[in-house]
Amino acid sequence: METSLITVFASLSIVLGLMVGFGTLSVVRGVFTFLMFIGLALSALLNTAGVNMILSYFLGQLIIMGTSYLLLKTMYPDALVKVRKEFQTGPASCH
């Protein structure tokens, strides 16, 4: 029963990541949705491991989104400019 929430969030990350990505024709939005739900799955895992519920929510998102941001910032800084432009204007103007 404790792992069912982890499974639900992991499944939602795949399904909703694909749906948002194909629905908006944007890889960036699909990956962002995928990472958000993987962060929630990690939060549920941390909560199951005994971390405080509120703290585990912030830690899960910080670990997943923070490491993704740091990876993009250090290895692909031009990708962050494209991501910022897409989230400000929309997926069609970024191509």
Protein backbone atom coordinates (compact mmCIF):
# COMPACT_ATOMS: atom_id res chain seq x y z
CA MET A 1 0.00 0.00 0.00
CA GLU A 2 2.86 2.39 0.74
CA THR A 3 4.43 1.92 -2.67
CA SER A 4 1.20 2.44 -4.61
CA LEU A 5 1.58 6.24 -4.53
CA ILE A 6 5.12 5.91 -5.85
CA THR A 7 3.88 3.69 -8.68
CA VAL A 8 1.04 6.07 -9.52
CA PHE A 9 3.33 9.10 -9.73
CA ALA A 10 5.93 7.19 -11.77
CA SER A 11 3.22 6.01 -14.18
CA LEU A 12 1.72 9.49 -14.41
CA SER A 13 5.12 10.93 -15.20
CA ILE A 14 5.42 8.74 -18.27
CA VAL A 15 1.82 9.02 -19.44
CA LEU A 16 1.34 12.73 -18.80
CA GLY A 17 4.84 13.59 -20.02
CA LEU A 18 4.04 11.97 -23.36
CA MET A 19 0.56 13.48 -23.52
CA VAL A 20 1.75 16.99 -22.78
CA GLY A 21 4.73 16.64 -25.11
CA PHE A 22 2.67 15.41 -28.05
CA GLY A 23 -0.34 17.57 -27.20
CA THR A 24 1.60 20.81 -27.26
CA LEU A 25 4.17 19.60 -29.81
CA SER A 26 6.87 20.61 -27.35
CA VAL A 27 9.62 18.36 -26.05
CA VAL A 28 10.47 20.90 -23.34
CA ARG A 29 6.96 20.90 -21.87
CA GLY A 30 6.81 17.10 -21.98
CA VAL A 31 10.14 16.73 -20.19
CA PHE A 32 9.15 19.38 -17.63
CA THR A 33 5.92 17.49 -16.84
CA PHE A 34 7.85 14.21 -16.66
CA LEU A 35 10.35 15.70 -14.21
CA MET A 36 7.62 17.19 -12.02
CA PHE A 37 5.91 13.84 -11.55
CA ILE A 38 9.21 12.00 -11.05
CA GLY A 39 9.88 14.58 -8.30
CA LEU A 40 6.54 13.70 -6.74
CA ALA A 41 7.42 9.99 -6.96
CA LEU A 42 10.71 10.70 -5.20
CA SER A 43 8.80 12.70 -2.58
CA ALA A 44 6.52 9.72 -1.94
CA LEU A 45 9.58 7.46 -1.70
CA LEU A 46 11.23 9.80 0.80
CA ASN A 47 8.01 9.94 2.80
CA THR A 48 7.88 6.15 2.84
CA ALA A 49 11.51 6.11 4.02
CA GLY A 50 10.55 8.22 7.04
CA VAL A 51 11.26 11.82 6.04
CA ASN A 52 8.73 14.42 7.19
CA MET A 53 5.87 14.73 4.68
CA ILE A 54 6.29 18.45 3.97
CA LEU A 55 10.07 18.24 3.89
CA SER A 56 9.97 15.23 1.56
CA TYR A 57 7.84 17.17 -0.94
CA PHE A 58 10.38 19.99 -1.15
CA LEU A 59 13.35 17.62 -1.13
CA GLY A 60 11.94 15.47 -3.93
CA GLN A 61 11.32 18.46 -6.19
CA LEU A 62 14.63 20.07 -5.26
CA ILE A 63 16.61 16.93 -6.01
CA ILE A 64 14.97 16.23 -9.37
CA MET A 65 14.43 19.76 -10.70
CA GLY A 66 17.58 21.16 -9.10
CA THR A 67 19.89 18.56 -10.58
CA SER A 68 18.22 18.92 -13.98
CA TYR A 69 18.71 22.67 -13.86
CA LEU A 70 22.34 22.38 -12.78
CA LEU A 71 23.03 19.86 -15.53
CA LEU A 72 21.55 22.17 -18.15
CA LYS A 73 23.32 25.22 -16.72
CA THR A 74 26.76 23.62 -16.70
CA MET A 75 26.67 21.47 -19.84
CA TYR A 76 24.09 23.15 -22.12
CA PRO A 77 23.64 26.81 -21.16
CA ASP A 78 22.15 27.68 -24.56
CA ALA A 79 19.35 25.17 -23.93
CA LEU A 80 18.15 27.23 -20.95
CA VAL A 81 17.74 30.26 -23.21
CA LYS A 82 15.56 28.19 -25.55
CA VAL A 83 13.53 26.84 -22.62
CA ARG A 84 12.97 30.33 -21.22
CA LYS A 85 11.91 31.60 -24.63
CA GLU A 86 9.49 28.70 -25.12
CA PHE A 87 7.83 29.14 -21.74
CA GLN A 88 7.43 32.88 -22.33
CA THR A 89 6.09 32.83 -25.88
CA GLY A 90 4.85 29.30 -26.65
CA PRO A 91 6.08 26.25 -28.52
CA ALA A 92 5.55 27.51 -32.09
CA SER A 93 7.88 30.52 -31.91
CA CYS A 94 10.86 28.58 -30.54
CA HIS A 95 11.53 26.61 -33.74
